[in-house]
Amino acid sequence: MEILAQLFDFNIIERVLSAVLLGFAIGLEREMTNKYAGLRTNILVCVGACVFTIISIYGFPEVSVTGDELGTRDTARVAAQVVTGIGFIGGGTVLRHGANVFGLTTAATLWVSAAIGMACGTGMYGLAIVSTIFTIIVLVSVRIFEKNILVNSTKNRKRVKIKLACVSENVDEIYKFIMDNFTQIIEINKKQSNKFENCTNISFTADVLKRRPVQAMYKEFENLIGIESITILEPDEF
């Protein structure tokens, strides 16, 4: 019975279960915004940090370093490595495409999930719950603030690559329209089509301040005369 009591210590189960629930809360927000590290990742990070912290506290016997009967142990020895180890997981979520860096917020969220898991592992439920609530508030409210207040922020710029197949007689007008309406052009090319005689291809890459860049770009060009086809690519499709 004593062994079963150790195996199913309610105090330990309570800590792990709290890590699951709080990791789920943070992961749900990430999942709803279509981030790579969503529910499963945040739950596992939170639970893993919790378990390592519990092991660090209870998993090692007391060791006497002075020869007396009262031994000592470093209860932070294993738990301290969680802070370092989570950096490798967080680093895997950071992506760079040209001058743009993606995934820093997701990496920071995993770091916070690990901290919350460690708080659960030590039984500091108040700290863990408050931290979870504030983390979700920051993730949600700051994103809304950036989109609606900081409209000219570079974070709201979306890079798109647009390929246009144009009737040759209208290509100069279309080219001028592009130069007049897109100030953040990274590169632009114009060349005669190899497949069709009376067709010229224009391709350009630009940064645009649009929440839904693909839909917005289609609206920009749909009323122009002389465009045969439009292809719009986002960064992960380049």
Protein backbone atom coordinates (compact mmCIF):
# COMPACT_ATOMS: atom_id res chain seq x y z
CA MET A 1 0.00 0.00 0.00
CA GLU A 2 2.89 2.31 0.75
CA ILE A 3 4.27 1.75 -2.75
CA LEU A 4 0.87 2.48 -4.30
CA ALA A 5 0.61 5.61 -2.19
CA GLN A 6 3.94 6.76 -3.60
CA LEU A 7 2.97 5.88 -7.15
CA PHE A 8 -0.35 7.67 -6.93
CA ASP A 9 0.58 10.59 -4.71
CA PHE A 10 -2.35 12.98 -5.15
CA ASN A 11 -0.11 15.96 -4.56
CA ILE A 12 2.14 14.95 -7.48
CA ILE A 13 -0.81 14.14 -9.76
CA GLU A 14 -2.36 17.51 -8.93
CA ARG A 15 0.80 19.31 -10.02
CA VAL A 16 1.07 17.44 -13.31
CA LEU A 17 -2.63 17.89 -14.04
CA SER A 18 -2.36 21.63 -13.42
CA ALA A 19 0.53 21.76 -15.88
CA VAL A 20 -1.60 19.98 -18.49
CA LEU A 21 -4.51 22.41 -18.05
CA LEU A 22 -2.40 25.57 -18.06
CA GLY A 23 -0.31 24.34 -21.00
CA PHE A 24 -3.58 23.64 -22.82
CA ALA A 25 -4.80 27.20 -22.17
CA ILE A 26 -1.71 28.77 -23.71
CA GLY A 27 -1.53 26.22 -26.52
CA LEU A 28 -5.17 26.88 -27.44
CA GLU A 29 -4.40 30.54 -28.12
CA ARG A 30 -1.43 29.53 -30.30
CA GLU A 31 -3.54 26.94 -32.12
CA MET A 32 -6.31 29.44 -32.84
CA THR A 33 -3.79 31.77 -34.50
CA ASN A 34 -2.38 28.92 -36.63
CA LYS A 35 1.09 28.87 -35.08
CA TYR A 36 3.41 25.91 -35.54
CA ALA A 37 3.80 25.32 -31.81
CA GLY A 38 0.20 24.83 -30.74
CA LEU A 39 -1.70 22.67 -28.28
CA ARG A 40 0.47 19.57 -28.13
CA THR A 41 3.76 21.44 -28.03
CA ASN A 42 2.79 23.82 -25.24
CA ILE A 43 1.16 21.07 -23.18
CA LEU A 44 4.19 18.80 -23.49
CA VAL A 45 6.63 21.62 -22.69
CA CYS A 46 4.61 22.61 -19.64
CA VAL A 47 4.23 19.03 -18.40
CA GLY A 48 7.89 18.22 -19.13
CA ALA A 49 9.10 21.21 -17.13
CA CYS A 50 6.73 20.24 -14.31
CA VAL A 51 7.96 16.63 -14.21
CA PHE A 52 11.63 17.64 -14.28
CA THR A 53 10.99 20.03 -11.40
CA ILE A 54 9.22 17.33 -9.38
CA ILE A 55 12.09 14.92 -10.05
CA SER A 56 14.56 17.58 -9.02
CA ILE A 57 12.75 18.07 -5.70
CA TYR A 58 11.83 14.50 -4.78
CA GLY A 59 13.82 12.19 -7.01
CA PHE A 60 17.26 12.30 -5.43
CA PRO A 61 18.26 11.18 -1.93
CA GLU A 62 19.91 13.42 0.59
CA VAL A 63 23.69 13.30 0.45
CA SER A 64 25.87 14.15 3.39
CA VAL A 65 28.85 16.28 2.50
CA THR A 66 29.98 16.98 6.07
CA GLY A 67 29.73 13.53 7.61
CA ASP A 68 26.75 14.35 9.80
CA GLU A 69 23.46 12.51 9.67
CA LEU A 70 21.52 15.43 8.18
CA GLY A 71 22.29 15.32 4.49
CA THR A 72 21.78 18.07 1.96
CA ARG A 73 20.60 18.06 -1.63
CA ASP A 74 20.41 20.61 -4.42
CA THR A 75 16.71 20.64 -5.33
CA ALA A 76 17.33 23.04 -8.23
CA ARG A 77 20.00 20.96 -9.98
CA VAL A 78 17.74 19.28 -12.57
CA ALA A 79 15.11 22.02 -12.71
CA ALA A 80 17.75 24.62 -13.56
CA GLN A 81 18.59 22.77 -16.76
CA VAL A 82 15.01 23.23 -18.01
CA VAL A 83 15.74 26.91 -18.59
CA THR A 84 18.69 26.01 -20.81
CA GLY A 85 17.06 23.04 -22.51
CA ILE A 86 13.93 24.91 -23.55
CA GLY A 87 16.13 27.21 -25.61
CA PHE A 88 16.79 24.41 -28.11
CA ILE A 89 13.08 23.82 -28.63
CA GLY A 90 12.36 27.53 -28.89
CA GLY A 91 15.18 27.98 -31.38
CA GLY A 92 13.54 25.43 -33.65
CA THR A 93 10.44 27.60 -33.99
CA VAL A 94 12.34 30.69 -35.17
CA LEU A 95 12.46 31.02 -38.95
CA ARG A 96 14.17 33.63 -41.10
CA HIS A 97 13.13 34.60 -44.61
CA GLY A 98 15.28 37.36 -46.02
CA ALA A 99 15.01 40.35 -43.71
CA ASN A 100 11.95 38.91 -41.94
CA VAL A 101 12.15 36.78 -38.81
CA PHE A 102 9.21 34.62 -37.79
CA GLY A 103 8.47 32.62 -34.66
CA LEU A 104 10.05 34.74 -31.93
CA THR A 105 6.74 35.12 -30.10
CA THR A 106 6.11 31.38 -30.34
CA ALA A 107 9.60 30.68 -28.93
CA ALA A 108 8.97 33.11 -26.07
CA THR A 109 5.60 31.46 -25.41
CA LEU A 110 7.27 28.05 -25.08
CA TRP A 111 9.76 29.59 -22.66
CA VAL A 112 6.87 30.93 -20.55
CA SER A 113 5.08 27.56 -20.75
CA ALA A 114 8.17 25.91 -19.30
CA ALA A 115 8.28 28.48 -16.49
CA ILE A 116 4.61 27.83 -15.72
CA GLY A 117 5.28 24.09 -15.71
CA MET A 118 8.09 24.60 -13.21
CA ALA A 119 5.76 26.67 -11.03
CA CYS A 120 3.25 23.79 -11.11
CA GLY A 121 6.03 21.35 -10.24
CA THR A 122 6.85 23.29 -7.08
CA GLY A 123 3.19 23.61 -6.12
CA MET A 124 3.07 27.38 -6.70
CA TYR A 125 -0.38 27.25 -8.28
CA GLY A 126 -1.21 30.91 -7.71
CA LEU A 127 1.89 32.02 -9.62
CA ALA A 128 1.21 29.49 -12.39
CA ILE A 129 -2.44 30.52 -12.87
CA VAL A 130 -1.75 34.26 -12.76
CA SER A 131 1.16 33.84 -15.21
CA THR A 132 -1.06 31.87 -17.60
CA ILE A 133 -3.82 34.49 -17.49
CA PHE A 134 -1.42 37.36 -18.13
CA THR A 135 0.36 35.45 -20.90
CA ILE A 136 -2.92 34.89 -22.78
CA ILE A 137 -3.94 38.52 -22.23
CA VAL A 138 -0.63 39.72 -23.67
CA LEU A 139 -0.81 37.40 -26.68
CA VAL A 140 -4.38 38.40 -27.55
CA SER A 141 -4.55 42.08 -26.61
CA VAL A 142 -1.17 43.15 -27.98
CA ARG A 143 -1.91 41.46 -31.32
CA ILE A 144 -5.19 43.42 -31.54
CA PHE A 145 -3.39 46.61 -30.53
CA GLU A 146 -0.72 46.14 -33.20
CA LYS A 147 -3.27 45.53 -35.95
CA ASN A 148 -5.61 48.38 -35.09
CA ILE A 149 -3.38 51.06 -33.55
CA LEU A 150 0.12 50.45 -34.90
CA VAL A 151 -1.12 50.08 -38.46
CA ASN A 152 2.14 51.36 -39.98
CA SER A 153 4.34 49.03 -37.96
CA THR A 154 6.76 46.89 -39.94
CA LYS A 155 5.16 43.86 -38.25
CA ASN A 156 2.02 44.52 -40.25
CA ARG A 157 3.90 44.50 -43.55
CA LYS A 158 3.38 41.39 -45.62
CA ARG A 159 5.75 40.40 -48.39
CA VAL A 160 4.12 39.05 -51.52
CA LYS A 161 5.34 38.05 -54.95
CA ILE A 162 3.00 38.80 -57.84
CA LYS A 163 3.23 37.41 -61.36
CA LEU A 164 1.10 39.00 -64.08
CA ALA A 165 0.54 37.82 -67.63
CA CYS A 166 -0.39 40.96 -69.59
CA VAL A 167 -1.45 41.81 -73.12
CA SER A 168 1.61 43.49 -74.62
CA GLU A 169 -0.23 46.62 -75.73
CA ASN A 170 -1.34 47.32 -72.13
CA VAL A 171 1.89 46.39 -70.37
CA ASP A 172 3.21 49.95 -70.05
CA GLU A 173 0.02 51.12 -68.32
CA ILE A 174 0.09 48.16 -65.95
CA TYR A 175 3.78 48.69 -65.21
CA LYS A 176 3.12 52.37 -64.40
CA PHE A 177 0.19 51.39 -62.17
CA ILE A 178 2.50 49.09 -60.20
CA MET A 179 5.20 51.73 -59.77
CA ASP A 180 2.67 54.37 -58.69
CA ASN A 181 0.75 52.22 -56.20
CA PHE A 182 3.44 50.05 -54.60
CA THR A 183 6.10 52.10 -52.85
CA GLN A 184 7.81 49.17 -51.13
CA ILE A 185 8.92 47.24 -54.22
CA ILE A 186 11.82 44.88 -53.57
CA GLU A 187 12.34 43.81 -57.18
CA ILE A 188 10.46 43.97 -60.46
CA ASN A 189 10.99 42.29 -63.83
CA LYS A 190 9.34 42.59 -67.21
CA LYS A 191 9.93 40.25 -70.13
CA GLN A 192 8.24 38.88 -73.24
CA SER A 193 6.41 35.60 -72.81
CA ASN A 194 8.00 32.55 -74.42
CA LYS A 195 4.63 30.81 -74.85
CA PHE A 196 2.44 33.53 -76.33
CA GLU A 197 3.36 36.14 -78.92
CA ASN A 198 1.22 39.03 -77.70
CA CYS A 199 1.90 38.52 -74.00
CA THR A 200 4.37 40.09 -71.57
CA ASN A 201 5.08 38.82 -68.07
CA ILE A 202 5.58 41.18 -65.15
CA SER A 203 6.75 39.81 -61.82
CA PHE A 204 7.51 41.84 -58.73
CA THR A 205 8.04 41.40 -55.01
CA ALA A 206 6.72 44.05 -52.62
CA ASP A 207 5.94 44.69 -48.96
CA VAL A 208 2.32 45.70 -48.41
CA LEU A 209 0.39 46.93 -45.37
CA LYS A 210 -2.55 44.57 -45.74
CA ARG A 211 -4.13 42.18 -43.24
CA ARG A 212 -5.06 39.78 -46.05
CA PRO A 213 -2.50 40.55 -48.75
CA VAL A 214 -3.60 37.93 -51.30
CA GLN A 215 -7.24 39.05 -51.35
CA ALA A 216 -6.21 42.71 -51.34
CA MET A 217 -3.87 42.25 -54.30
CA TYR A 218 -6.52 40.54 -56.37
CA LYS A 219 -8.82 43.50 -55.79
CA GLU A 220 -6.04 45.90 -56.79
CA PHE A 221 -5.60 44.27 -60.21
CA GLU A 222 -9.02 42.80 -61.03
CA ASN A 223 -10.29 45.94 -62.77
CA LEU A 224 -7.17 46.62 -64.83
CA ILE A 225 -7.49 46.09 -68.58
CA GLY A 226 -5.02 43.78 -70.25
CA ILE A 227 -4.29 41.30 -67.45
CA GLU A 228 -4.68 37.70 -68.58
CA SER A 229 -3.73 35.97 -65.32
CA ILE A 230 -2.55 36.75 -61.80
CA THR A 231 -0.43 34.58 -59.50
CA ILE A 232 0.16 35.76 -55.94
CA LEU A 233 2.59 34.02 -53.63
CA GLU A 234 3.23 34.54 -49.91
CA PRO A 235 6.73 34.11 -48.36
CA ASP A 236 6.44 30.39 -47.59
CA GLU A 237 5.47 29.75 -51.24
CA PHE A 238 8.34 31.68 -52.91
